[in-house]
Amino acid sequence: MPTLLLVDDDPDQLAIRTMVLEREGYTVLAAPDVVTALAHPIADLVVMDLVPDYPGLIASIGSRAPIIVLTGARVDGLPVARVLRKPCRTRVLLETIAELV
């Protein structure tokens, strides 16, 4: 099963999404911030909230892994595979992950 890097500065969301994704069989590397995220090995896919310094994280990952951004903010022009608006249904997130890995 693919390895996912999950980045969210909300500890509750990080825990819930980690539990859901692991239940689906994914290996999840959870990170509450960019520094922790960059310390992890490269994953097959990144699912991230717009945490502080998110442009640096996106730039560091580059084209090495697809990125899904989960956000309640309106954003345009991010160099990522998908932007999903919060609140995002679990089914939509899982379908998007399956499509990209």
PDB file of N, CA and C in Angstrom:
ATOM      1  N   MET A   1       0.841  -1.182   0.000  1.00  0.00           N
ATOM      2  CA  MET A   1       0.000   0.000   0.000  1.00  0.00           C
ATOM      3  C   MET A   1       0.888   1.248   0.000  1.00  0.00           C
ATOM      4  N   PRO A   2       0.463   2.296  -0.655  1.00  0.00           N
ATOM      5  CA  PRO A   2       1.266   3.525  -0.715  1.00  0.00           C
ATOM      6  C   PRO A   2       1.438   4.196   0.648  1.00  0.00           C
ATOM      7  N   THR A   3       2.505   4.978   0.730  1.00  0.00           N
ATOM      8  CA  THR A   3       2.774   5.780   1.923  1.00  0.00           C
ATOM      9  C   THR A   3       2.331   7.202   1.659  1.00  0.00           C
ATOM     10  N   LEU A   4       1.576   7.759   2.609  1.00  0.00           N
ATOM     11  CA  LEU A   4       1.067   9.119   2.498  1.00  0.00           C
ATOM     12  C   LEU A   4       1.721   9.995   3.558  1.00  0.00           C
ATOM     13  N   LEU A   5       2.089  11.205   3.185  1.00  0.00           N
ATOM     14  CA  LEU A   5       2.534  12.213   4.137  1.00  0.00           C
ATOM     15  C   LEU A   5       1.343  13.108   4.385  1.00  0.00           C
ATOM     16  N   LEU A   6       0.894  13.167   5.630  1.00  0.00           N
ATOM     17  CA  LEU A   6      -0.263  13.960   6.027  1.00  0.00           C
ATOM     18  C   LEU A   6       0.229  15.113   6.879  1.00  0.00           C
ATOM     19  N   VAL A   7      -0.064  16.353   6.453  1.00  0.00           N
ATOM     20  CA  VAL A   7       0.426  17.540   7.144  1.00  0.00           C
ATOM     21  C   VAL A   7      -0.762  18.413   7.529  1.00  0.00           C
ATOM     22  N   ASP A   8      -0.931  18.633   8.829  1.00  0.00           N
ATOM     23  CA  ASP A   8      -2.009  19.490   9.323  1.00  0.00           C
ATOM     24  C   ASP A   8      -1.618  20.014  10.691  1.00  0.00           C
ATOM     25  N   ASP A   9      -1.763  21.319  10.904  1.00  0.00           N
ATOM     26  CA  ASP A   9      -1.394  21.893  12.196  1.00  0.00           C
ATOM     27  C   ASP A   9      -2.507  21.801  13.230  1.00  0.00           C
ATOM     28  N   ASP A  10      -3.651  21.240  12.858  1.00  0.00           N
ATOM     29  CA  ASP A  10      -4.739  20.987  13.802  1.00  0.00           C
ATOM     30  C   ASP A  10      -4.566  19.547  14.297  1.00  0.00           C
ATOM     31  N   PRO A  11      -4.194  19.352  15.569  1.00  0.00           N
ATOM     32  CA  PRO A  11      -3.912  17.995  16.052  1.00  0.00           C
ATOM     33  C   PRO A  11      -5.110  17.053  15.967  1.00  0.00           C
ATOM     34  N   ASP A  12      -6.316  17.574  16.141  1.00  0.00           N
ATOM     35  CA  ASP A  12      -7.495  16.714  16.043  1.00  0.00           C
ATOM     36  C   ASP A  12      -7.698  16.218  14.610  1.00  0.00           C
ATOM     37  N   GLN A  13      -7.584  17.123  13.644  1.00  0.00           N
ATOM     38  CA  GLN A  13      -7.730  16.732  12.245  1.00  0.00           C
ATOM     39  C   GLN A  13      -6.627  15.769  11.823  1.00  0.00           C
ATOM     40  N   LEU A  14      -5.423  16.021  12.304  1.00  0.00           N
ATOM     41  CA  LEU A  14      -4.296  15.141  11.990  1.00  0.00           C
ATOM     42  C   LEU A  14      -4.562  13.728  12.511  1.00  0.00           C
ATOM     43  N   ALA A  15      -5.040  13.631  13.732  1.00  0.00           N
ATOM     44  CA  ALA A  15      -5.323  12.319  14.337  1.00  0.00           C
ATOM     45  C   ALA A  15      -6.468  11.605  13.623  1.00  0.00           C
ATOM     46  N   ILE A  16      -7.535  12.329  13.325  1.00  0.00           N
ATOM     47  CA  ILE A  16      -8.701  11.712  12.670  1.00  0.00           C
ATOM     48  C   ILE A  16      -8.344  11.229  11.276  1.00  0.00           C
ATOM     49  N   ARG A  17      -7.696  12.090  10.497  1.00  0.00           N
ATOM     50  CA  ARG A  17      -7.344  11.693   9.135  1.00  0.00           C
ATOM     51  C   ARG A  17      -6.332  10.549   9.128  1.00  0.00           C
ATOM     52  N   THR A  18      -5.393  10.566  10.067  1.00  0.00           N
ATOM     53  CA  THR A  18      -4.434   9.463  10.165  1.00  0.00           C
ATOM     54  C   THR A  18      -5.172   8.155  10.415  1.00  0.00           C
ATOM     55  N   MET A  19      -6.107   8.169  11.349  1.00  0.00           N
ATOM     56  CA  MET A  19      -6.869   6.969  11.678  1.00  0.00           C
ATOM     57  C   MET A  19      -7.658   6.475  10.467  1.00  0.00           C
ATOM     58  N   VAL A  20      -8.326   7.373   9.771  1.00  0.00           N
ATOM     59  CA  VAL A  20      -9.129   6.993   8.605  1.00  0.00           C
ATOM     60  C   VAL A  20      -8.247   6.402   7.503  1.00  0.00           C
ATOM     61  N   LEU A  21      -7.135   7.057   7.218  1.00  0.00           N
ATOM     62  CA  LEU A  21      -6.262   6.591   6.133  1.00  0.00           C
ATOM     63  C   LEU A  21      -5.579   5.267   6.480  1.00  0.00           C
ATOM     64  N   GLU A  22      -5.170   5.109   7.732  1.00  0.00           N
ATOM     65  CA  GLU A  22      -4.573   3.831   8.141  1.00  0.00           C
ATOM     66  C   GLU A  22      -5.607   2.712   8.084  1.00  0.00           C
ATOM     67  N   ARG A  23      -6.840   3.025   8.440  1.00  0.00           N
ATOM     68  CA  ARG A  23      -7.910   2.029   8.361  1.00  0.00           C
ATOM     69  C   ARG A  23      -8.126   1.567   6.914  1.00  0.00           C
ATOM     70  N   GLU A  24      -7.846   2.455   5.961  1.00  0.00           N
ATOM     71  CA  GLU A  24      -7.962   2.114   4.545  1.00  0.00           C
ATOM     72  C   GLU A  24      -6.742   1.354   4.027  1.00  0.00           C
ATOM     73  N   GLY A  25      -5.738   1.169   4.896  1.00  0.00           N
ATOM     74  CA  GLY A  25      -4.571   0.385   4.524  1.00  0.00           C
ATOM     75  C   GLY A  25      -3.341   1.186   4.143  1.00  0.00           C
ATOM     76  N   TYR A  26      -3.432   2.517   4.188  1.00  0.00           N
ATOM     77  CA  TYR A  26      -2.276   3.347   3.850  1.00  0.00           C
ATOM     78  C   TYR A  26      -1.308   3.426   5.030  1.00  0.00           C
ATOM     79  N   THR A  27      -0.030   3.559   4.722  1.00  0.00           N
ATOM     80  CA  THR A  27       0.957   3.905   5.728  1.00  0.00           C
ATOM     81  C   THR A  27       0.967   5.418   5.783  1.00  0.00           C
ATOM     82  N   VAL A  28       0.782   5.986   6.975  1.00  0.00           N
ATOM     83  CA  VAL A  28       0.664   7.434   7.114  1.00  0.00           C
ATOM     84  C   VAL A  28       1.822   7.982   7.937  1.00  0.00           C
ATOM     85  N   LEU A  29       2.506   8.969   7.362  1.00  0.00           N
ATOM     86  CA  LEU A  29       3.521   9.736   8.071  1.00  0.00           C
ATOM     87  C   LEU A  29       2.851  11.051   8.445  1.00  0.00           C
ATOM     88  N   ALA A  30       2.555  11.249   9.721  1.00  0.00           N
ATOM     89  CA  ALA A  30       1.823  12.434  10.160  1.00  0.00           C
ATOM     90  C   ALA A  30       2.786  13.525  10.605  1.00  0.00           C
ATOM     91  N   ALA A  31       2.484  14.764  10.205  1.00  0.00           N
ATOM     92  CA  ALA A  31       3.344  15.895  10.552  1.00  0.00           C
ATOM     93  C   ALA A  31       2.484  17.113  10.889  1.00  0.00           C
ATOM     94  N   PRO A  32       2.760  17.753  12.028  1.00  0.00           N
ATOM     95  CA  PRO A  32       1.987  18.930  12.410  1.00  0.00           C
ATOM     96  C   PRO A  32       2.530  20.236  11.824  1.00  0.00           C
ATOM     97  N   ASP A  33       3.690  20.161  11.157  1.00  0.00           N
ATOM     98  CA  ASP A  33       4.294  21.383  10.628  1.00  0.00           C
ATOM     99  C   ASP A  33       5.258  21.031   9.493  1.00  0.00           C
ATOM    100  N   VAL A  34       5.751  22.065   8.839  1.00  0.00           N
ATOM    101  CA  VAL A  34       6.626  21.880   7.684  1.00  0.00           C
ATOM    102  C   VAL A  34       7.956  21.239   8.070  1.00  0.00           C
ATOM    103  N   VAL A  35       8.533  21.647   9.194  1.00  0.00           N
ATOM    104  CA  VAL A  35       9.823  21.090   9.616  1.00  0.00           C
ATOM    105  C   VAL A  35       9.710  19.578   9.811  1.00  0.00           C
ATOM    106  N   THR A  36       8.672  19.139  10.487  1.00  0.00           N
ATOM    107  CA  THR A  36       8.463  17.708  10.707  1.00  0.00           C
ATOM    108  C   THR A  36       8.185  17.004   9.384  1.00  0.00           C
ATOM    109  N   ALA A  37       7.396  17.633   8.532  1.00  0.00           N
ATOM    110  CA  ALA A  37       7.079  17.029   7.232  1.00  0.00           C
ATOM    111  C   ALA A  37       8.341  16.797   6.409  1.00  0.00           C
ATOM    112  N   LEU A  38       9.226  17.784   6.404  1.00  0.00           N
ATOM    113  CA  LEU A  38      10.450  17.658   5.614  1.00  0.00           C
ATOM    114  C   LEU A  38      11.434  16.656   6.204  1.00  0.00           C
ATOM    115  N   ALA A  39      11.282  16.316   7.475  1.00  0.00           N
ATOM    116  CA  ALA A  39      12.148  15.320   8.105  1.00  0.00           C
ATOM    117  C   ALA A  39      11.752  13.892   7.729  1.00  0.00           C
ATOM    118  N   HIS A  40      10.526  13.715   7.233  1.00  0.00           N
ATOM    119  CA  HIS A  40      10.065  12.391   6.825  1.00  0.00           C
ATOM    120  C   HIS A  40      10.639  12.028   5.461  1.00  0.00           C
ATOM    121  N   PRO A  41      10.736  10.728   5.189  1.00  0.00           N
ATOM    122  CA  PRO A  41      11.160  10.318   3.846  1.00  0.00           C
ATOM    123  C   PRO A  41      10.080  10.705   2.830  1.00  0.00           C
ATOM    124  N   ILE A  42      10.458  10.707   1.578  1.00  0.00           N
ATOM    125  CA  ILE A  42       9.506  11.045   0.517  1.00  0.00           C
ATOM    126  C   ILE A  42       8.393   9.993   0.490  1.00  0.00           C
ATOM    127  N   ALA A  43       7.165  10.479   0.467  1.00  0.00           N
ATOM    128  CA  ALA A  43       5.998   9.606   0.418  1.00  0.00           C
ATOM    129  C   ALA A  43       5.519   9.487  -1.028  1.00  0.00           C
ATOM    130  N   ASP A  44       4.569   8.594  -1.245  1.00  0.00           N
ATOM    131  CA  ASP A  44       3.985   8.425  -2.571  1.00  0.00           C
ATOM    132  C   ASP A  44       3.018   9.556  -2.914  1.00  0.00           C
ATOM    133  N   LEU A  45       2.458  10.186  -1.871  1.00  0.00           N
ATOM    134  CA  LEU A  45       1.497  11.260  -2.054  1.00  0.00           C
ATOM    135  C   LEU A  45       1.472  12.099  -0.784  1.00  0.00           C
ATOM    136  N   VAL A  46       1.206  13.394  -0.932  1.00  0.00           N
ATOM    137  CA  VAL A  46       1.122  14.301   0.211  1.00  0.00           C
ATOM    138  C   VAL A  46      -0.298  14.852   0.289  1.00  0.00           C
ATOM    139  N   VAL A  47      -0.880  14.789   1.484  1.00  0.00           N
ATOM    140  CA  VAL A  47      -2.165  15.416   1.764  1.00  0.00           C
ATOM    141  C   VAL A  47      -1.875  16.469   2.817  1.00  0.00           C
ATOM    142  N   MET A  48      -2.165  17.739   2.499  1.00  0.00           N
ATOM    143  CA  MET A  48      -1.763  18.795   3.418  1.00  0.00           C
ATOM    144  C   MET A  48      -2.793  19.898   3.528  1.00  0.00           C
ATOM    145  N   ASP A  49      -2.845  20.462   4.721  1.00  0.00           N
ATOM    146  CA  ASP A  49      -3.583  21.684   4.972  1.00  0.00           C
ATOM    147  C   ASP A  49      -2.635  22.833   4.612  1.00  0.00           C
ATOM    148  N   LEU A  50      -3.163  24.023   4.501  1.00  0.00           N
ATOM    149  CA  LEU A  50      -2.300  25.179   4.246  1.00  0.00           C
ATOM    150  C   LEU A  50      -1.683  25.629   5.562  1.00  0.00           C
ATOM    151  N   VAL A  51      -0.703  24.863   6.011  1.00  0.00           N
ATOM    152  CA  VAL A  51       0.026  25.157   7.250  1.00  0.00           C
ATOM    153  C   VAL A  51       0.966  26.332   6.995  1.00  0.00           C
ATOM    154  N   PRO A  52       1.423  26.999   8.072  1.00  0.00           N
ATOM    155  CA  PRO A  52       2.411  28.063   7.854  1.00  0.00           C
ATOM    156  C   PRO A  52       3.608  27.539   7.054  1.00  0.00           C
ATOM    157  N   ASP A  53       4.090  28.343   6.158  1.00  0.00           N
ATOM    158  CA  ASP A  53       5.190  28.039   5.239  1.00  0.00           C
ATOM    159  C   ASP A  53       4.852  26.925   4.256  1.00  0.00           C
ATOM    160  N   TYR A  54       3.560  26.779   3.943  1.00  0.00           N
ATOM    161  CA  TYR A  54       3.182  25.768   2.964  1.00  0.00           C
ATOM    162  C   TYR A  54       3.849  25.969   1.600  1.00  0.00           C
ATOM    163  N   PRO A  55       4.112  27.220   1.151  1.00  0.00           N
ATOM    164  CA  PRO A  55       4.807  27.335  -0.141  1.00  0.00           C
ATOM    165  C   PRO A  55       6.186  26.666  -0.113  1.00  0.00           C
ATOM    166  N   GLY A  56       6.881  26.755   1.025  1.00  0.00           N
ATOM    167  CA  GLY A  56       8.185  26.107   1.146  1.00  0.00           C
ATOM    168  C   GLY A  56       8.073  24.600   1.073  1.00  0.00           C
ATOM    169  N   LEU A  57       7.033  24.051   1.678  1.00  0.00           N
ATOM    170  CA  LEU A  57       6.825  22.602   1.626  1.00  0.00           C
ATOM    171  C   LEU A  57       6.504  22.162   0.205  1.00  0.00           C
ATOM    172  N   ILE A  58       5.617  22.885  -0.454  1.00  0.00           N
ATOM    173  CA  ILE A  58       5.265  22.541  -1.835  1.00  0.00           C
ATOM    174  C   ILE A  58       6.505  22.617  -2.723  1.00  0.00           C
ATOM    175  N   ALA A  59       7.304  23.665  -2.558  1.00  0.00           N
ATOM    176  CA  ALA A  59       8.519  23.816  -3.365  1.00  0.00           C
ATOM    177  C   ALA A  59       9.526  22.706  -3.077  1.00  0.00           C
ATOM    178  N   SER A  60       9.641  22.294  -1.817  1.00  0.00           N
ATOM    179  CA  SER A  60      10.593  21.240  -1.453  1.00  0.00           C
ATOM    180  C   SER A  60      10.199  19.887  -2.019  1.00  0.00           C
ATOM    181  N   ILE A  61       8.910  19.634  -2.060  1.00  0.00           N
ATOM    182  CA  ILE A  61       8.428  18.353  -2.581  1.00  0.00           C
ATOM    183  C   ILE A  61       8.541  18.342  -4.103  1.00  0.00           C
ATOM    184  N   GLY A  62       8.283  19.499  -4.705  1.00  0.00           N
ATOM    185  CA  GLY A  62       8.404  19.618  -6.157  1.00  0.00           C
ATOM    186  C   GLY A  62       7.592  18.585  -6.885  1.00  0.00           C
ATOM    187  N   SER A  63       8.179  17.954  -7.841  1.00  0.00           N
ATOM    188  CA  SER A  63       7.473  16.956  -8.649  1.00  0.00           C
ATOM    189  C   SER A  63       7.714  15.537  -8.148  1.00  0.00           C
ATOM    190  N   ARG A  64       8.291  15.396  -6.950  1.00  0.00           N
ATOM    191  CA  ARG A  64       8.606  14.052  -6.442  1.00  0.00           C
ATOM    192  C   ARG A  64       7.380  13.282  -5.987  1.00  0.00           C
ATOM    193  N   ALA A  65       6.292  13.979  -5.639  1.00  0.00           N
ATOM    194  CA  ALA A  65       5.069  13.313  -5.197  1.00  0.00           C
ATOM    195  C   ALA A  65       3.885  14.230  -5.482  1.00  0.00           C
ATOM    196  N   PRO A  66       2.753  13.652  -5.876  1.00  0.00           N
ATOM    197  CA  PRO A  66       1.564  14.475  -6.046  1.00  0.00           C
ATOM    198  C   PRO A  66       1.136  15.056  -4.692  1.00  0.00           C
ATOM    199  N   ILE A  67       0.533  16.238  -4.742  1.00  0.00           N
ATOM    200  CA  ILE A  67       0.081  16.916  -3.528  1.00  0.00           C
ATOM    201  C   ILE A  67      -1.403  17.213  -3.631  1.00  0.00           C
ATOM    202  N   ILE A  68      -2.127  16.871  -2.564  1.00  0.00           N
ATOM    203  CA  ILE A  68      -3.528  17.261  -2.407  1.00  0.00           C
ATOM    204  C   ILE A  68      -3.559  18.284  -1.287  1.00  0.00           C
ATOM    205  N   VAL A  69      -4.126  19.449  -1.559  1.00  0.00           N
ATOM    206  CA  VAL A  69      -4.282  20.479  -0.532  1.00  0.00           C
ATOM    207  C   VAL A  69      -5.726  20.487  -0.077  1.00  0.00           C
ATOM    208  N   LEU A  70      -5.917  20.406   1.236  1.00  0.00           N
ATOM    209  CA  LEU A  70      -7.241  20.544   1.852  1.00  0.00           C
ATOM    210  C   LEU A  70      -7.301  21.927   2.474  1.00  0.00           C
ATOM    211  N   THR A  71      -8.273  22.737   2.076  1.00  0.00           N
ATOM    212  CA  THR A  71      -8.326  24.090   2.612  1.00  0.00           C
ATOM    213  C   THR A  71      -9.743  24.649   2.594  1.00  0.00           C
ATOM    214  N   GLY A  72     -10.003  25.491   3.547  1.00  0.00           N
ATOM    215  CA  GLY A  72     -11.250  26.242   3.564  1.00  0.00           C
ATOM    216  C   GLY A  72     -11.087  27.568   2.859  1.00  0.00           C
ATOM    217  N   ALA A  73      -9.844  27.933   2.571  1.00  0.00           N
ATOM    218  CA  ALA A  73      -9.556  29.203   1.904  1.00  0.00           C
ATOM    219  C   ALA A  73      -9.685  29.045   0.390  1.00  0.00           C
ATOM    220  N   ARG A  74      -9.965  30.143  -0.250  1.00  0.00           N
ATOM    221  CA  ARG A  74      -9.996  30.132  -1.719  1.00  0.00           C
ATOM    222  C   ARG A  74      -8.575  30.357  -2.217  1.00  0.00           C
ATOM    223  N   VAL A  75      -8.055  29.397  -2.958  1.00  0.00           N
ATOM    224  CA  VAL A  75      -6.699  29.501  -3.495  1.00  0.00           C
ATOM    225  C   VAL A  75      -6.719  29.177  -4.982  1.00  0.00           C
ATOM    226  N   ASP A  76      -5.883  29.863  -5.702  1.00  0.00           N
ATOM    227  CA  ASP A  76      -5.754  29.616  -7.132  1.00  0.00           C
ATOM    228  C   ASP A  76      -4.280  29.520  -7.480  1.00  0.00           C
ATOM    229  N   GLY A  77      -3.985  28.721  -8.470  1.00  0.00           N
ATOM    230  CA  GLY A  77      -2.643  28.682  -9.008  1.00  0.00           C
ATOM    231  C   GLY A  77      -1.600  27.936  -8.206  1.00  0.00           C
ATOM    232  N   LEU A  78      -2.006  27.129  -7.232  1.00  0.00           N
ATOM    233  CA  LEU A  78      -1.016  26.330  -6.500  1.00  0.00           C
ATOM    234  C   LEU A  78      -0.506  25.215  -7.416  1.00  0.00           C
ATOM    235  N   PRO A  79       0.800  24.965  -7.410  1.00  0.00           N
ATOM    236  CA  PRO A  79       1.356  23.895  -8.250  1.00  0.00           C
ATOM    237  C   PRO A  79       1.174  22.526  -7.595  1.00  0.00           C
ATOM    238  N   VAL A  80      -0.078  22.113  -7.454  1.00  0.00           N
ATOM    239  CA  VAL A  80      -0.413  20.850  -6.789  1.00  0.00           C
ATOM    240  C   VAL A  80      -1.349  20.050  -7.690  1.00  0.00           C
ATOM    241  N   ALA A  81      -1.498  18.761  -7.380  1.00  0.00           N
ATOM    242  CA  ALA A  81      -2.353  17.883  -8.180  1.00  0.00           C
ATOM    243  C   ALA A  81      -3.829  18.208  -8.001  1.00  0.00           C
ATOM    244  N   ARG A  82      -4.252  18.495  -6.763  1.00  0.00           N
ATOM    245  CA  ARG A  82      -5.660  18.797  -6.479  1.00  0.00           C
ATOM    246  C   ARG A  82      -5.769  19.739  -5.283  1.00  0.00           C
ATOM    247  N   VAL A  83      -6.819  20.542  -5.295  1.00  0.00           N
ATOM    248  CA  VAL A  83      -7.214  21.337  -4.140  1.00  0.00           C
ATOM    249  C   VAL A  83      -8.631  20.909  -3.798  1.00  0.00           C
ATOM    250  N   LEU A  84      -8.820  20.425  -2.574  1.00  0.00           N
ATOM    251  CA  LEU A  84     -10.143  20.022  -2.100  1.00  0.00           C
ATOM    252  C   LEU A  84     -10.594  21.003  -1.027  1.00  0.00           C
ATOM    253  N   ARG A  85     -11.812  21.477  -1.161  1.00  0.00           N
ATOM    254  CA  ARG A  85     -12.343  22.452  -0.209  1.00  0.00           C
ATOM    255  C   ARG A  85     -12.822  21.766   1.061  1.00  0.00           C
ATOM    256  N   LYS A  86     -12.482  22.365   2.212  1.00  0.00           N
ATOM    257  CA  LYS A  86     -13.001  21.900   3.494  1.00  0.00           C
ATOM    258  C   LYS A  86     -14.369  22.521   3.696  1.00  0.00           C
ATOM    259  N   PRO A  87     -15.283  21.831   4.316  1.00  0.00           N
ATOM    260  CA  PRO A  87     -15.142  20.448   4.766  1.00  0.00           C
ATOM    261  C   PRO A  87     -15.197  19.498   3.575  1.00  0.00           C
ATOM    262  N   CYS A  88     -14.329  18.532   3.600  1.00  0.00           N
ATOM    263  CA  CYS A  88     -14.213  17.561   2.511  1.00  0.00           C
ATOM    264  C   CYS A  88     -14.733  16.212   3.004  1.00  0.00           C
ATOM    265  N   ARG A  89     -15.649  15.651   2.267  1.00  0.00           N
ATOM    266  CA  ARG A  89     -16.163  14.324   2.635  1.00  0.00           C
ATOM    267  C   ARG A  89     -15.036  13.294   2.531  1.00  0.00           C
ATOM    268  N   THR A  90     -15.032  12.376   3.459  1.00  0.00           N
ATOM    269  CA  THR A  90     -14.013  11.329   3.491  1.00  0.00           C
ATOM    270  C   THR A  90     -13.991  10.551   2.187  1.00  0.00           C
ATOM    271  N   ARG A  91     -15.151  10.247   1.650  1.00  0.00           N
ATOM    272  CA  ARG A  91     -15.247   9.491   0.400  1.00  0.00           C
ATOM    273  C   ARG A  91     -14.534  10.229  -0.734  1.00  0.00           C
ATOM    274  N   VAL A  92     -14.721  11.550  -0.803  1.00  0.00           N
ATOM    275  CA  VAL A  92     -14.075  12.346  -1.856  1.00  0.00           C
ATOM    276  C   VAL A  92     -12.556  12.321  -1.693  1.00  0.00           C
ATOM    277  N   LEU A  93     -12.084  12.468  -0.447  1.00  0.00           N
ATOM    278  CA  LEU A  93     -10.644  12.420  -0.192  1.00  0.00           C
ATOM    279  C   LEU A  93     -10.077  11.060  -0.589  1.00  0.00           C
ATOM    280  N   LEU A  94     -10.729   9.985  -0.189  1.00  0.00           N
ATOM    281  CA  LEU A  94     -10.243   8.641  -0.502  1.00  0.00           C
ATOM    282  C   LEU A  94     -10.240   8.375  -2.011  1.00  0.00           C
ATOM    283  N   GLU A  95     -11.274   8.825  -2.705  1.00  0.00           N
ATOM    284  CA  GLU A  95     -11.322   8.660  -4.155  1.00  0.00           C
ATOM    285  C   GLU A  95     -10.198   9.445  -4.839  1.00  0.00           C
ATOM    286  N   THR A  96      -9.931  10.646  -4.358  1.00  0.00           N
ATOM    287  CA  THR A  96      -8.878  11.472  -4.937  1.00  0.00           C
ATOM    288  C   THR A  96      -7.509  10.847  -4.697  1.00  0.00           C
ATOM    289  N   ILE A  97      -7.296  10.349  -3.486  1.00  0.00           N
ATOM    290  CA  ILE A  97      -6.032   9.672  -3.185  1.00  0.00           C
ATOM    291  C   ILE A  97      -5.852   8.455  -4.101  1.00  0.00           C
ATOM    292  N   ALA A  98      -6.884   7.630  -4.213  1.00  0.00           N
ATOM    293  CA  ALA A  98      -6.795   6.431  -5.048  1.00  0.00           C
ATOM    294  C   ALA A  98      -6.506   6.782  -6.507  1.00  0.00           C
ATOM    295  N   GLU A  99      -7.045   7.881  -6.970  1.00  0.00           N
ATOM    296  CA  GLU A  99      -6.811   8.320  -8.347  1.00  0.00           C
ATOM    297  C   GLU A  99      -5.370   8.743  -8.575  1.00  0.00           C
ATOM    298  N   LEU A 100      -4.744   9.332  -7.561  1.00  0.00           N
ATOM    299  CA  LEU A 100      -3.420   9.909  -7.730  1.00  0.00           C
ATOM    300  C   LEU A 100      -2.242   8.983  -7.377  1.00  0.00           C
ATOM    301  N   VAL A 101      -2.501   7.907  -6.642  1.00  0.00           N
ATOM    302  CA  VAL A 101      -1.387   7.007  -6.283  1.00  0.00           C
ATOM    303  C   VAL A 101      -1.336   5.813  -7.219  1.00  0.00           C
TER     304      VAL A 101
END
